[in-house]
Amino acid sequence: MNLEYLVSKNYDGKELKDFLISQGISHRLLVTLKTNNSIFCNGLSVSLNHIISGKDRITIDLNYEEESDNIVPTQIRLNILYEDDSLLILNKTAGIPVHPSINYYTNSLSNGVKFYFNQICLKKKIRPVNRLDKDTTGVVVFAKNEYIQECLIKQMKNKTFTKEYIAILDGILPEKKRINRSSN
């Protein structure tokens, strides 16, 4: 995945770093991009202090390899609801945690995603965007790069990231068992 920007005249004579920050790229991601030589101006690799001018074309290459050495790949059946270059959206079954822990070192959803990424030769960190309790079933979103993860986290903070569920019920749900929509 690449990000492309066309510089406006407002940024003529400014440093590339300032322009990218104005586009929502975090300082942390800028460091990663710099380390991976993933920033280009008009097709040429440039540093963050490069002086830009109007009509420059800035390209950010997010296809660099990453490691998730802290997660053991484990073959787990994944129920993939949606996948593209940026996202992997899964339906998590009850009884499986999202993250590895002392008690679930090799049998978490993240372990299964790591195994899946290895199978499709995708060398990316495992980035669950949202979490569910171990005994809860539902949708878990994994970002395939740091930029998408940051975008989704911003959406969650400003409450524009939403998930909708449909429940099917046969019979009458007792008042004490009613499900209320939480603020998350």
C-alpha atoms as a PDB file:
ATOM      1  CA  MET A   1       0.000   0.000   0.000  1.00  0.00           C
ATOM      2  CA  ASN A   2       1.230   3.466  -0.871  1.00  0.00           C
ATOM      3  CA  LEU A   3       0.021   6.885   0.212  1.00  0.00           C
ATOM      4  CA  GLU A   4       0.277   9.680  -2.344  1.00  0.00           C
ATOM      5  CA  TYR A   5       0.050  13.403  -1.784  1.00  0.00           C
ATOM      6  CA  LEU A   6       0.285  16.348  -4.142  1.00  0.00           C
ATOM      7  CA  VAL A   7       1.868  19.305  -2.333  1.00  0.00           C
ATOM      8  CA  SER A   8      -0.084  22.562  -2.496  1.00  0.00           C
ATOM      9  CA  LYS A   9       1.611  25.947  -2.896  1.00  0.00           C
ATOM     10  CA  ASN A  10       0.887  26.608   0.804  1.00  0.00           C
ATOM     11  CA  TYR A  11       3.777  24.284   1.662  1.00  0.00           C
ATOM     12  CA  ASP A  12       6.241  25.783  -0.833  1.00  0.00           C
ATOM     13  CA  GLY A  13       9.633  26.024   0.904  1.00  0.00           C
ATOM     14  CA  LYS A  14       8.564  23.967   3.953  1.00  0.00           C
ATOM     15  CA  GLU A  15      10.167  20.795   5.295  1.00  0.00           C
ATOM     16  CA  LEU A  16       8.625  17.510   4.204  1.00  0.00           C
ATOM     17  CA  LYS A  17       8.251  16.470   7.859  1.00  0.00           C
ATOM     18  CA  ASP A  18       5.901  19.410   8.548  1.00  0.00           C
ATOM     19  CA  PHE A  19       3.817  18.586   5.493  1.00  0.00           C
ATOM     20  CA  LEU A  20       3.463  14.900   6.463  1.00  0.00           C
ATOM     21  CA  ILE A  21       2.502  15.797  10.042  1.00  0.00           C
ATOM     22  CA  SER A  22      -0.179  18.126   8.635  1.00  0.00           C
ATOM     23  CA  GLN A  23      -1.504  15.121   6.679  1.00  0.00           C
ATOM     24  CA  GLY A  24      -1.982  13.128   9.897  1.00  0.00           C
ATOM     25  CA  ILE A  25       1.220  11.077   9.861  1.00  0.00           C
ATOM     26  CA  SER A  26       2.397  10.604  13.462  1.00  0.00           C
ATOM     27  CA  HIS A  27       5.926  11.307  14.667  1.00  0.00           C
ATOM     28  CA  ARG A  28       6.284   7.621  15.532  1.00  0.00           C
ATOM     29  CA  LEU A  29       5.321   6.547  12.020  1.00  0.00           C
ATOM     30  CA  LEU A  30       7.679   9.146  10.531  1.00  0.00           C
ATOM     31  CA  VAL A  31      10.573   7.508  12.388  1.00  0.00           C
ATOM     32  CA  THR A  32       9.571   4.104  11.012  1.00  0.00           C
ATOM     33  CA  LEU A  33       9.231   5.472   7.489  1.00  0.00           C
ATOM     34  CA  LYS A  34      12.619   7.176   7.719  1.00  0.00           C
ATOM     35  CA  THR A  35      14.264   3.979   9.002  1.00  0.00           C
ATOM     36  CA  ASN A  36      12.790   1.993   6.095  1.00  0.00           C
ATOM     37  CA  ASN A  37      13.637   4.615   3.429  1.00  0.00           C
ATOM     38  CA  SER A  38       9.949   4.708   2.525  1.00  0.00           C
ATOM     39  CA  ILE A  39       9.513   8.410   1.736  1.00  0.00           C
ATOM     40  CA  PHE A  40       9.779   9.671  -1.847  1.00  0.00           C
ATOM     41  CA  CYS A  41       9.433  13.057  -3.510  1.00  0.00           C
ATOM     42  CA  ASN A  42       8.836  12.932  -7.259  1.00  0.00           C
ATOM     43  CA  GLY A  43      10.087   9.337  -7.271  1.00  0.00           C
ATOM     44  CA  LEU A  44      13.352  10.004  -5.401  1.00  0.00           C
ATOM     45  CA  SER A  45      14.071   8.846  -1.848  1.00  0.00           C
ATOM     46  CA  VAL A  46      14.297  11.889   0.422  1.00  0.00           C
ATOM     47  CA  SER A  47      14.866  12.738   4.081  1.00  0.00           C
ATOM     48  CA  LEU A  48      12.302  14.306   6.371  1.00  0.00           C
ATOM     49  CA  ASN A  49      14.054  17.675   6.273  1.00  0.00           C
ATOM     50  CA  HIS A  50      13.805  17.810   2.462  1.00  0.00           C
ATOM     51  CA  ILE A  51      12.427  21.180   1.316  1.00  0.00           C
ATOM     52  CA  ILE A  52       9.276  20.710  -0.768  1.00  0.00           C
ATOM     53  CA  SER A  53       7.559  22.913  -3.307  1.00  0.00           C
ATOM     54  CA  GLY A  54       4.085  23.194  -4.746  1.00  0.00           C
ATOM     55  CA  LYS A  55       3.105  20.378  -7.114  1.00  0.00           C
ATOM     56  CA  ASP A  56       5.700  17.948  -5.668  1.00  0.00           C
ATOM     57  CA  ARG A  57       4.330  14.415  -5.542  1.00  0.00           C
ATOM     58  CA  ILE A  58       5.033  12.719  -2.206  1.00  0.00           C
ATOM     59  CA  THR A  59       4.792   8.932  -2.001  1.00  0.00           C
ATOM     60  CA  ILE A  60       4.876   6.928   1.222  1.00  0.00           C
ATOM     61  CA  ASP A  61       5.625   3.237   0.718  1.00  0.00           C
ATOM     62  CA  LEU A  62       3.978   1.192   3.483  1.00  0.00           C
ATOM     63  CA  ASN A  63       5.067  -2.158   2.004  1.00  0.00           C
ATOM     64  CA  TYR A  64       8.196  -2.554   4.120  1.00  0.00           C
ATOM     65  CA  GLU A  65       8.674  -5.817   6.013  1.00  0.00           C
ATOM     66  CA  GLU A  66       8.120  -6.040   9.767  1.00  0.00           C
ATOM     67  CA  GLU A  67       8.525  -8.786  12.322  1.00  0.00           C
ATOM     68  CA  SER A  68       6.268 -10.090  15.067  1.00  0.00           C
ATOM     69  CA  ASP A  69       8.870 -12.303  16.696  1.00  0.00           C
ATOM     70  CA  ASN A  70       7.059 -12.119  20.034  1.00  0.00           C
ATOM     71  CA  ILE A  71       4.065 -14.028  18.632  1.00  0.00           C
ATOM     72  CA  VAL A  72       4.304 -17.764  17.979  1.00  0.00           C
ATOM     73  CA  PRO A  73       2.506 -18.775  14.769  1.00  0.00           C
ATOM     74  CA  THR A  74      -0.206 -21.318  15.565  1.00  0.00           C
ATOM     75  CA  GLN A  75      -2.638 -22.860  13.125  1.00  0.00           C
ATOM     76  CA  ILE A  76      -6.082 -21.763  14.270  1.00  0.00           C
ATOM     77  CA  ARG A  77      -9.208 -21.739  12.123  1.00  0.00           C
ATOM     78  CA  LEU A  78      -9.889 -18.104  11.251  1.00  0.00           C
ATOM     79  CA  ASN A  79     -13.324 -16.905  10.231  1.00  0.00           C
ATOM     80  CA  ILE A  80     -12.348 -14.128   7.802  1.00  0.00           C
ATOM     81  CA  LEU A  81     -15.196 -11.684   7.197  1.00  0.00           C
ATOM     82  CA  TYR A  82     -13.211  -9.253   5.041  1.00  0.00           C
ATOM     83  CA  GLU A  83      -9.652  -8.753   3.842  1.00  0.00           C
ATOM     84  CA  ASP A  84      -7.794  -6.287   1.644  1.00  0.00           C
ATOM     85  CA  ASP A  85      -4.292  -4.772   1.537  1.00  0.00           C
ATOM     86  CA  SER A  86      -4.970  -2.754   4.691  1.00  0.00           C
ATOM     87  CA  LEU A  87      -7.336  -4.787   6.863  1.00  0.00           C
ATOM     88  CA  LEU A  88      -8.074  -8.281   8.088  1.00  0.00           C
ATOM     89  CA  ILE A  89     -11.477  -8.487   9.769  1.00  0.00           C
ATOM     90  CA  LEU A  90     -12.295 -11.654  11.691  1.00  0.00           C
ATOM     91  CA  ASN A  91     -15.228 -13.104  13.559  1.00  0.00           C
ATOM     92  CA  LYS A  92     -13.711 -14.235  16.862  1.00  0.00           C
ATOM     93  CA  THR A  93     -15.274 -17.265  18.467  1.00  0.00           C
ATOM     94  CA  ALA A  94     -15.831 -17.474  22.215  1.00  0.00           C
ATOM     95  CA  GLY A  95     -13.138 -19.154  24.281  1.00  0.00           C
ATOM     96  CA  ILE A  96     -10.125 -17.680  22.493  1.00  0.00           C
ATOM     97  CA  PRO A  97      -8.294 -14.535  23.629  1.00  0.00           C
ATOM     98  CA  VAL A  98      -7.240 -11.857  21.170  1.00  0.00           C
ATOM     99  CA  HIS A  99      -3.690 -11.519  22.561  1.00  0.00           C
ATOM    100  CA  PRO A 100      -1.157 -14.088  23.745  1.00  0.00           C
ATOM    101  CA  SER A 101      -0.604 -14.145  27.498  1.00  0.00           C
ATOM    102  CA  ILE A 102       1.076 -16.358  30.063  1.00  0.00           C
ATOM    103  CA  ASN A 103      -1.940 -18.703  30.072  1.00  0.00           C
ATOM    104  CA  TYR A 104      -2.532 -18.496  26.308  1.00  0.00           C
ATOM    105  CA  TYR A 105       0.964 -18.141  24.874  1.00  0.00           C
ATOM    106  CA  THR A 106       0.310 -20.046  21.644  1.00  0.00           C
ATOM    107  CA  ASN A 107      -3.471 -20.227  21.324  1.00  0.00           C
ATOM    108  CA  SER A 108      -4.748 -16.691  20.827  1.00  0.00           C
ATOM    109  CA  LEU A 109      -6.327 -15.086  17.801  1.00  0.00           C
ATOM    110  CA  SER A 110      -3.079 -13.152  17.241  1.00  0.00           C
ATOM    111  CA  ASN A 111      -1.175 -16.464  17.064  1.00  0.00           C
ATOM    112  CA  GLY A 112      -3.593 -17.609  14.376  1.00  0.00           C
ATOM    113  CA  VAL A 113      -3.185 -14.356  12.440  1.00  0.00           C
ATOM    114  CA  LYS A 114       0.604 -14.726  12.639  1.00  0.00           C
ATOM    115  CA  PHE A 115       0.308 -18.253  11.166  1.00  0.00           C
ATOM    116  CA  TYR A 116      -1.993 -16.928   8.431  1.00  0.00           C
ATOM    117  CA  PHE A 117       0.362 -14.060   7.583  1.00  0.00           C
ATOM    118  CA  ASN A 118       3.217 -16.580   7.318  1.00  0.00           C
ATOM    119  CA  GLN A 119       1.094 -18.705   4.954  1.00  0.00           C
ATOM    120  CA  ILE A 120       0.450 -15.757   2.622  1.00  0.00           C
ATOM    121  CA  CYS A 121       4.072 -14.510   2.968  1.00  0.00           C
ATOM    122  CA  LEU A 122       3.034 -11.241   4.604  1.00  0.00           C
ATOM    123  CA  LYS A 123       5.786  -9.976   6.894  1.00  0.00           C
ATOM    124  CA  LYS A 124       3.848  -7.523   9.045  1.00  0.00           C
ATOM    125  CA  LYS A 125       3.346  -6.926  12.754  1.00  0.00           C
ATOM    126  CA  ILE A 126       0.178  -8.295  14.305  1.00  0.00           C
ATOM    127  CA  ARG A 127      -1.977  -5.245  15.035  1.00  0.00           C
ATOM    128  CA  PRO A 128      -5.418  -5.896  16.528  1.00  0.00           C
ATOM    129  CA  VAL A 129      -7.253  -2.577  16.531  1.00  0.00           C
ATOM    130  CA  ASN A 130     -10.044  -3.555  18.908  1.00  0.00           C
ATOM    131  CA  ARG A 131     -10.301  -6.190  21.596  1.00  0.00           C
ATOM    132  CA  LEU A 132     -12.921  -8.572  22.881  1.00  0.00           C
ATOM    133  CA  ASP A 133     -12.938 -10.610  26.079  1.00  0.00           C
ATOM    134  CA  LYS A 134     -11.860 -14.231  25.756  1.00  0.00           C
ATOM    135  CA  ASP A 135     -15.394 -15.565  26.147  1.00  0.00           C
ATOM    136  CA  THR A 136     -16.980 -13.009  23.807  1.00  0.00           C
ATOM    137  CA  THR A 137     -17.669 -13.662  20.156  1.00  0.00           C
ATOM    138  CA  GLY A 138     -17.631 -10.833  17.653  1.00  0.00           C
ATOM    139  CA  VAL A 139     -15.704  -8.809  15.121  1.00  0.00           C
ATOM    140  CA  VAL A 140     -11.991  -8.096  15.605  1.00  0.00           C
ATOM    141  CA  VAL A 141     -10.197  -5.785  13.193  1.00  0.00           C
ATOM    142  CA  PHE A 142      -6.491  -6.227  12.428  1.00  0.00           C
ATOM    143  CA  ALA A 143      -4.577  -3.456  10.652  1.00  0.00           C
ATOM    144  CA  LYS A 144      -1.934  -4.602   8.192  1.00  0.00           C
ATOM    145  CA  ASN A 145       0.219  -1.509   8.646  1.00  0.00           C
ATOM    146  CA  GLU A 146       0.918   1.171  11.226  1.00  0.00           C
ATOM    147  CA  TYR A 147      -0.755   3.957   9.238  1.00  0.00           C
ATOM    148  CA  ILE A 148      -4.100   2.129   9.048  1.00  0.00           C
ATOM    149  CA  GLN A 149      -3.843   1.192  12.725  1.00  0.00           C
ATOM    150  CA  GLU A 150      -3.347   4.853  13.643  1.00  0.00           C
ATOM    151  CA  CYS A 151      -6.278   5.937  11.450  1.00  0.00           C
ATOM    152  CA  LEU A 152      -8.613   3.400  13.066  1.00  0.00           C
ATOM    153  CA  ILE A 153      -7.469   4.272  16.590  1.00  0.00           C
ATOM    154  CA  LYS A 154      -8.213   7.956  15.846  1.00  0.00           C
ATOM    155  CA  GLN A 155     -11.680   6.932  14.643  1.00  0.00           C
ATOM    156  CA  MET A 156     -12.252   4.975  17.850  1.00  0.00           C
ATOM    157  CA  LYS A 157     -11.177   7.967  19.963  1.00  0.00           C
ATOM    158  CA  ASN A 158     -13.482  10.386  18.163  1.00  0.00           C
ATOM    159  CA  LYS A 159     -16.274   7.773  18.093  1.00  0.00           C
ATOM    160  CA  THR A 160     -16.581   7.528  14.292  1.00  0.00           C
ATOM    161  CA  PHE A 161     -15.463   3.868  14.303  1.00  0.00           C
ATOM    162  CA  THR A 162     -18.603   1.804  14.737  1.00  0.00           C
ATOM    163  CA  LYS A 163     -19.591  -1.838  14.679  1.00  0.00           C
ATOM    164  CA  GLU A 164     -23.152  -3.014  14.369  1.00  0.00           C
ATOM    165  CA  TYR A 165     -24.396  -6.421  15.438  1.00  0.00           C
ATOM    166  CA  ILE A 166     -27.569  -8.238  14.587  1.00  0.00           C
ATOM    167  CA  ALA A 167     -28.988 -10.578  17.199  1.00  0.00           C
ATOM    168  CA  ILE A 168     -31.345 -13.421  16.394  1.00  0.00           C
ATOM    169  CA  LEU A 169     -33.607 -14.541  19.190  1.00  0.00           C
ATOM    170  CA  ASP A 170     -36.064 -17.401  19.348  1.00  0.00           C
ATOM    171  CA  GLY A 171     -38.448 -16.659  22.193  1.00  0.00           C
ATOM    172  CA  ILE A 172     -38.563 -13.867  24.753  1.00  0.00           C
ATOM    173  CA  LEU A 173     -35.420 -12.497  26.371  1.00  0.00           C
ATOM    174  CA  PRO A 174     -35.983 -12.024  30.115  1.00  0.00           C
ATOM    175  CA  GLU A 175     -35.632  -8.416  31.318  1.00  0.00           C
ATOM    176  CA  LYS A 176     -32.489  -9.268  33.314  1.00  0.00           C
ATOM    177  CA  LYS A 177     -30.769 -10.573  30.174  1.00  0.00           C
ATOM    178  CA  ARG A 178     -31.352  -7.489  28.022  1.00  0.00           C
ATOM    179  CA  ILE A 179     -28.319  -6.247  26.124  1.00  0.00           C
ATOM    180  CA  ASN A 180     -27.659  -2.535  26.316  1.00  0.00           C
ATOM    181  CA  ARG A 181     -25.546  -0.651  23.831  1.00  0.00           C
ATOM    182  CA  SER A 182     -22.341   0.463  25.543  1.00  0.00           C
ATOM    183  CA  SER A 183     -20.543   3.720  24.818  1.00  0.00           C
ATOM    184  CA  ASN A 184     -17.742   1.805  23.112  1.00  0.00           C
END
